[in-house]
Amino acid sequence: MKVNFVHYRYLQKGNSMFSVPRAVRFFQWLRQPIFLAACLMLMFSACGGKDKIKKVSEESRITQEAFSLAETLRTAYLEGDRRSLERHSTQEGYRELVGALKEFDSAELTFTPTWVKIDGSEVYLTVSWKGLWRADNRVTEERGAAIFVLEGRPLKLATIQRENPFRQPE
């Protein structure tokens, strides 16, 4: 809505018997310094810092640690870093992991965490994965879902249920 202030001033001088339109009066009221100061005070009081910072829950911390471990395992697998795989796995988990590894020239692997279940000292991290492996002039593309069973503090890989992304290329 366009307000023409020339007509407003004309009406203000009493040159017409018509009343001042409501919209014109409203816009004039918005320009008052008191209204602007009140808006600024309201904005600054609403944007003030919080006195209390919520602590991160234990479940949230464990979940973040599980996500980080999955990413560490993925990176170690792609780089062929068996020492890192061993460091982030239990003895049984490492044996299972190394037994499933296959040689490849290059690979791309992505993990998307979909679910975390915390059951006592065990954490079940469900990830959907997608990978592309190149070996012996052959390209293999696979996808699936795996459940990483993690245990201990700090978390370590105990076993992989369902489709193991580290068994590829098949």
Protein backbone atom coordinates (compact mmCIF):
# COMPACT_ATOMS: atom_id res chain seq x y z
CA MET A 1 0.00 0.00 0.00
CA LYS A 2 1.49 3.29 -1.07
CA VAL A 3 0.93 6.23 1.25
CA ASN A 4 1.04 9.69 -0.23
CA PHE A 5 2.19 12.09 2.49
CA VAL A 6 1.32 15.19 0.45
CA HIS A 7 -2.37 14.39 0.82
CA TYR A 8 -1.91 13.70 4.53
CA ARG A 9 -0.45 17.16 5.15
CA TYR A 10 -3.21 18.70 3.08
CA LEU A 11 -5.80 16.95 5.22
CA GLN A 12 -3.95 17.92 8.41
CA LYS A 13 -4.34 21.60 7.68
CA GLY A 14 -8.08 21.19 7.73
CA ASN A 15 -8.58 21.75 4.05
CA SER A 16 -11.05 18.90 3.82
CA MET A 17 -13.72 17.47 6.03
CA PHE A 18 -12.53 13.88 5.41
CA SER A 19 -10.71 12.10 8.27
CA VAL A 20 -7.07 10.97 8.02
CA PRO A 21 -6.87 7.38 6.69
CA ARG A 22 -5.98 4.75 9.30
CA ALA A 23 -3.01 3.45 7.34
CA VAL A 24 -1.46 6.92 7.24
CA ARG A 25 -1.87 7.35 11.00
CA PHE A 26 -0.37 3.89 11.61
CA PHE A 27 2.72 4.62 9.50
CA GLN A 28 3.18 7.96 11.24
CA TRP A 29 3.03 6.19 14.62
CA LEU A 30 5.72 3.69 13.50
CA ARG A 31 8.10 6.60 12.90
CA GLN A 32 7.92 7.76 16.53
CA PRO A 33 11.23 7.51 18.46
CA ILE A 34 9.54 5.89 21.47
CA PHE A 35 8.23 3.06 19.31
CA LEU A 36 11.66 2.53 17.73
CA ALA A 37 13.33 2.51 21.16
CA ALA A 38 10.80 -0.02 22.46
CA CYS A 39 11.45 -2.30 19.47
CA LEU A 40 15.22 -2.10 20.03
CA MET A 41 14.85 -2.88 23.75
CA LEU A 42 12.63 -5.86 22.98
CA MET A 43 15.09 -7.15 20.38
CA PHE A 44 18.13 -6.82 22.68
CA SER A 45 16.39 -8.44 25.63
CA ALA A 46 15.23 -11.38 23.48
CA CYS A 47 18.68 -11.91 21.93
CA GLY A 48 20.57 -11.85 25.23
CA GLY A 49 22.86 -14.73 26.18
CA LYS A 50 21.57 -17.62 28.20
CA ASP A 51 22.75 -18.04 31.76
CA LYS A 52 22.58 -21.81 31.61
CA ILE A 53 24.18 -23.96 28.98
CA LYS A 54 22.67 -27.39 28.68
CA LYS A 55 25.05 -30.23 29.28
CA VAL A 56 25.39 -32.81 26.56
CA SER A 57 23.59 -36.00 27.57
CA GLU A 58 25.51 -39.25 27.88
CA GLU A 59 23.47 -40.79 25.02
CA SER A 60 24.32 -37.87 22.76
CA ARG A 61 28.02 -38.10 23.60
CA ILE A 62 28.03 -41.86 22.91
CA THR A 63 26.21 -41.31 19.61
CA GLN A 64 28.73 -38.69 18.49
CA GLU A 65 31.58 -41.02 19.46
CA ALA A 66 29.98 -43.84 17.44
CA PHE A 67 29.64 -41.59 14.36
CA SER A 68 33.25 -40.52 14.73
CA LEU A 69 34.45 -44.12 15.06
CA ALA A 70 32.57 -45.16 11.89
CA GLU A 71 34.20 -42.30 10.00
CA THR A 72 37.63 -43.25 11.37
CA LEU A 73 37.16 -46.87 10.29
CA ARG A 74 36.02 -45.77 6.83
CA THR A 75 39.05 -43.52 6.39
CA ALA A 76 41.48 -46.18 7.65
CA TYR A 77 39.94 -48.75 5.28
CA LEU A 78 40.24 -46.46 2.25
CA GLU A 79 43.84 -45.59 3.11
CA GLY A 80 44.75 -49.23 3.83
CA ASP A 81 45.79 -48.32 7.39
CA ARG A 82 45.58 -51.65 9.21
CA ARG A 83 47.23 -50.23 12.32
CA SER A 84 44.37 -47.75 12.75
CA LEU A 85 41.81 -50.48 12.08
CA GLU A 86 43.42 -52.59 14.81
CA ARG A 87 43.56 -49.68 17.25
CA HIS A 88 39.82 -48.97 16.82
CA SER A 89 38.64 -52.59 16.98
CA THR A 90 38.51 -55.31 19.58
CA GLN A 91 40.70 -58.39 18.94
CA GLU A 92 37.76 -60.40 17.59
CA GLY A 93 36.50 -57.44 15.59
CA TYR A 94 39.91 -56.87 14.03
CA ARG A 95 40.24 -60.57 13.07
CA GLU A 96 36.81 -60.47 11.41
CA LEU A 97 37.62 -57.20 9.67
CA VAL A 98 41.03 -58.28 8.33
CA GLY A 99 39.63 -61.63 7.23
CA ALA A 100 37.08 -59.85 5.07
CA LEU A 101 39.42 -57.30 3.46
CA LYS A 102 40.03 -57.61 -0.25
CA GLU A 103 42.59 -55.84 -2.39
CA PHE A 104 41.55 -52.90 -4.56
CA ASP A 105 43.32 -50.20 -6.54
CA SER A 106 41.09 -47.36 -5.39
CA ALA A 107 37.77 -46.98 -3.66
CA GLU A 108 35.13 -44.48 -2.66
CA LEU A 109 32.94 -45.28 0.32
CA THR A 110 30.30 -43.19 2.06
CA PHE A 111 28.49 -43.93 5.31
CA THR A 112 25.16 -42.44 6.30
CA PRO A 113 24.27 -43.19 9.93
CA THR A 114 20.58 -44.05 10.21
CA TRP A 115 20.05 -45.42 13.72
CA VAL A 116 21.86 -45.78 17.03
CA LYS A 117 20.74 -48.18 19.74
CA ILE A 118 22.47 -48.11 23.11
CA ASP A 119 22.04 -51.36 25.03
CA GLY A 120 24.04 -51.27 28.23
CA SER A 121 27.71 -51.32 27.29
CA GLU A 122 27.03 -52.15 23.62
CA VAL A 123 26.18 -49.62 20.93
CA TYR A 124 24.53 -50.70 17.69
CA LEU A 125 25.23 -48.19 14.93
CA THR A 126 23.20 -48.78 11.77
CA VAL A 127 24.69 -47.19 8.68
CA SER A 128 23.63 -47.20 5.10
CA TRP A 129 26.67 -47.32 2.86
CA LYS A 130 27.48 -46.84 -0.80
CA GLY A 131 30.78 -47.69 -2.40
CA LEU A 132 32.68 -47.79 -5.67
CA TRP A 133 35.75 -50.02 -5.98
CA ARG A 134 38.28 -50.26 -8.79
CA ALA A 135 40.37 -53.43 -8.98
CA ASP A 136 42.09 -55.08 -11.95
CA ASN A 137 40.47 -52.73 -14.49
CA ARG A 138 37.06 -53.64 -13.13
CA VAL A 139 34.67 -51.22 -11.41
CA THR A 140 32.26 -52.51 -8.77
CA GLU A 141 29.50 -50.41 -7.30
CA GLU A 142 27.63 -51.67 -4.25
CA ARG A 143 25.34 -50.35 -1.55
CA GLY A 144 23.85 -51.78 1.58
CA ALA A 145 23.16 -51.42 5.27
CA ALA A 146 25.41 -52.58 8.08
CA ILE A 147 25.16 -52.66 11.84
CA PHE A 148 28.42 -51.89 13.61
CA VAL A 149 28.39 -53.42 17.08
CA LEU A 150 30.61 -51.23 19.24
CA GLU A 151 31.65 -51.87 22.82
CA GLY A 152 33.96 -50.63 25.54
CA ARG A 153 35.10 -47.19 26.58
CA PRO A 154 36.36 -45.70 24.33
CA LEU A 155 34.14 -47.43 21.77
CA LYS A 156 35.73 -50.10 19.58
CA LEU A 157 34.34 -52.19 16.74
CA ALA A 158 33.35 -55.66 18.02
CA THR A 159 31.57 -57.05 14.95
CA ILE A 160 29.68 -56.07 11.81
CA GLN A 161 26.22 -57.46 11.21
CA ARG A 162 24.29 -57.56 7.94
CA GLU A 163 26.18 -56.34 4.84
CA ASN A 164 29.82 -55.63 5.64
CA PRO A 165 31.08 -52.75 3.48
CA PHE A 166 34.70 -53.82 4.07
CA ARG A 167 34.18 -57.16 2.23
CA GLN A 168 33.98 -55.39 -1.10
CA PRO A 169 34.73 -55.74 -3.95
CA GLU A 170 33.08 -59.12 -4.35
